[in-house]
Amino acid sequence: MSIRGYILVETEVGRTQAVGNSVRTLSSSHARVLAVDTVTGPFDVIVQLEADDLDLLGKCITEEIQKIDGIQRTTTCLSVNLG
């Protein structure tokens, strides 16, 4: 069973579009990028990722996404099945 996470991204001023484009084109061996949305509010970009396990999801975030130029901070929300 795979794990899904929502990565809430804060970008440097004026870098939202570039960050969104970089994440959209990210080719990761750790996780799959399911969706990338630029949004309004306290976050600038929301990324939906899916990986085979939590460790791979974490590696994608820390080794790939957080290294994208223009990203200031990320917050990760994991999807859970409550049913």
C-alpha atoms as a PDB file:
ATOM      1  CA  MET A   1       0.000   0.000   0.000  1.00  0.00           C
ATOM      2  CA  SER A   2       1.353   3.422  -0.926  1.00  0.00           C
ATOM      3  CA  ILE A   3       1.461   6.539   1.214  1.00  0.00           C
ATOM      4  CA  ARG A   4       0.293   9.964   0.074  1.00  0.00           C
ATOM      5  CA  GLY A   5       1.393  13.336   1.366  1.00  0.00           C
ATOM      6  CA  TYR A   6       0.521  16.955   0.764  1.00  0.00           C
ATOM      7  CA  ILE A   7       3.535  19.239   0.821  1.00  0.00           C
ATOM      8  CA  LEU A   8       2.632  22.838   1.668  1.00  0.00           C
ATOM      9  CA  VAL A   9       5.347  25.075   0.255  1.00  0.00           C
ATOM     10  CA  GLU A  10       6.287  28.636   1.135  1.00  0.00           C
ATOM     11  CA  THR A  11       8.403  30.319  -1.538  1.00  0.00           C
ATOM     12  CA  GLU A  12      10.569  33.405  -1.736  1.00  0.00           C
ATOM     13  CA  VAL A  13       8.715  36.475  -2.982  1.00  0.00           C
ATOM     14  CA  GLY A  14       8.314  36.353  -6.753  1.00  0.00           C
ATOM     15  CA  ARG A  15       9.417  32.712  -7.052  1.00  0.00           C
ATOM     16  CA  THR A  16       6.063  30.890  -6.842  1.00  0.00           C
ATOM     17  CA  GLN A  17       5.666  30.236 -10.563  1.00  0.00           C
ATOM     18  CA  ALA A  18       9.265  29.026 -10.971  1.00  0.00           C
ATOM     19  CA  VAL A  19       8.983  26.739  -7.939  1.00  0.00           C
ATOM     20  CA  GLY A  20       5.692  25.294  -9.192  1.00  0.00           C
ATOM     21  CA  ASN A  21       7.201  24.605 -12.603  1.00  0.00           C
ATOM     22  CA  SER A  22      10.274  22.964 -11.069  1.00  0.00           C
ATOM     23  CA  VAL A  23       8.174  20.631  -8.936  1.00  0.00           C
ATOM     24  CA  ARG A  24       5.915  19.767 -11.897  1.00  0.00           C
ATOM     25  CA  THR A  25       8.918  18.602 -13.908  1.00  0.00           C
ATOM     26  CA  LEU A  26      10.598  16.778 -10.985  1.00  0.00           C
ATOM     27  CA  SER A  27      11.609  13.253 -11.901  1.00  0.00           C
ATOM     28  CA  SER A  28      12.106  11.379  -8.645  1.00  0.00           C
ATOM     29  CA  SER A  29      13.079   7.776  -8.027  1.00  0.00           C
ATOM     30  CA  HIS A  30      11.574   8.083  -4.520  1.00  0.00           C
ATOM     31  CA  ALA A  31       8.007   9.328  -5.119  1.00  0.00           C
ATOM     32  CA  ARG A  32       5.496  10.272  -7.780  1.00  0.00           C
ATOM     33  CA  VAL A  33       4.251  13.840  -8.147  1.00  0.00           C
ATOM     34  CA  LEU A  34       0.473  13.531  -8.506  1.00  0.00           C
ATOM     35  CA  ALA A  35      -0.485  17.217  -8.537  1.00  0.00           C
ATOM     36  CA  VAL A  36       1.032  20.665  -8.152  1.00  0.00           C
ATOM     37  CA  ASP A  37      -1.162  23.687  -7.472  1.00  0.00           C
ATOM     38  CA  THR A  38      -0.211  27.304  -6.915  1.00  0.00           C
ATOM     39  CA  VAL A  39      -2.565  28.700  -4.300  1.00  0.00           C
ATOM     40  CA  THR A  40      -3.413  31.804  -2.309  1.00  0.00           C
ATOM     41  CA  GLY A  41      -3.195  32.056   1.454  1.00  0.00           C
ATOM     42  CA  PRO A  42      -0.367  31.249   3.859  1.00  0.00           C
ATOM     43  CA  PHE A  43       1.220  28.778   1.403  1.00  0.00           C
ATOM     44  CA  ASP A  44       2.209  29.356  -2.211  1.00  0.00           C
ATOM     45  CA  VAL A  45       2.330  25.866  -3.713  1.00  0.00           C
ATOM     46  CA  ILE A  46       0.717  22.582  -2.667  1.00  0.00           C
ATOM     47  CA  VAL A  47       2.253  19.368  -3.956  1.00  0.00           C
ATOM     48  CA  GLN A  48       0.575  15.972  -3.770  1.00  0.00           C
ATOM     49  CA  LEU A  49       3.114  13.119  -3.603  1.00  0.00           C
ATOM     50  CA  GLU A  50       2.743   9.360  -3.485  1.00  0.00           C
ATOM     51  CA  ALA A  51       5.453   6.873  -2.485  1.00  0.00           C
ATOM     52  CA  ASP A  52       5.729   3.205  -1.635  1.00  0.00           C
ATOM     53  CA  ASP A  53       6.585   3.991   1.997  1.00  0.00           C
ATOM     54  CA  LEU A  54       7.135   6.864   4.426  1.00  0.00           C
ATOM     55  CA  ASP A  55      10.923   6.764   4.136  1.00  0.00           C
ATOM     56  CA  LEU A  56      10.813   7.213   0.358  1.00  0.00           C
ATOM     57  CA  LEU A  57       8.320  10.051   0.709  1.00  0.00           C
ATOM     58  CA  GLY A  58      10.628  11.729   3.217  1.00  0.00           C
ATOM     59  CA  LYS A  59      13.646  11.321   0.944  1.00  0.00           C
ATOM     60  CA  CYS A  60      11.809  12.942  -1.940  1.00  0.00           C
ATOM     61  CA  ILE A  61      10.895  15.906   0.246  1.00  0.00           C
ATOM     62  CA  THR A  62      14.269  16.426   1.935  1.00  0.00           C
ATOM     63  CA  GLU A  63      16.625  15.405  -0.871  1.00  0.00           C
ATOM     64  CA  GLU A  64      14.747  16.797  -3.862  1.00  0.00           C
ATOM     65  CA  ILE A  65      11.854  19.170  -3.196  1.00  0.00           C
ATOM     66  CA  GLN A  66      13.470  21.198  -0.396  1.00  0.00           C
ATOM     67  CA  LYS A  67      16.554  21.747  -2.574  1.00  0.00           C
ATOM     68  CA  ILE A  68      14.580  23.533  -5.304  1.00  0.00           C
ATOM     69  CA  ASP A  69      15.746  27.126  -5.622  1.00  0.00           C
ATOM     70  CA  GLY A  70      13.186  29.556  -4.208  1.00  0.00           C
ATOM     71  CA  ILE A  71      11.669  27.290  -1.555  1.00  0.00           C
ATOM     72  CA  GLN A  72      11.828  28.755   1.936  1.00  0.00           C
ATOM     73  CA  ARG A  73       9.885  26.208   3.992  1.00  0.00           C
ATOM     74  CA  THR A  74       7.746  23.092   3.643  1.00  0.00           C
ATOM     75  CA  THR A  75       5.069  21.546   5.817  1.00  0.00           C
ATOM     76  CA  THR A  76       4.051  17.954   5.184  1.00  0.00           C
ATOM     77  CA  CYS A  77       0.550  16.593   5.815  1.00  0.00           C
ATOM     78  CA  LEU A  78       0.126  12.832   5.487  1.00  0.00           C
ATOM     79  CA  SER A  79      -3.060  11.338   4.119  1.00  0.00           C
ATOM     80  CA  VAL A  80      -4.667   8.808   6.477  1.00  0.00           C
ATOM     81  CA  ASN A  81      -7.476   6.310   6.014  1.00  0.00           C
ATOM     82  CA  LEU A  82      -9.923   6.692   8.892  1.00  0.00           C
ATOM     83  CA  GLY A  83     -12.599   4.475   7.407  1.00  0.00           C
END
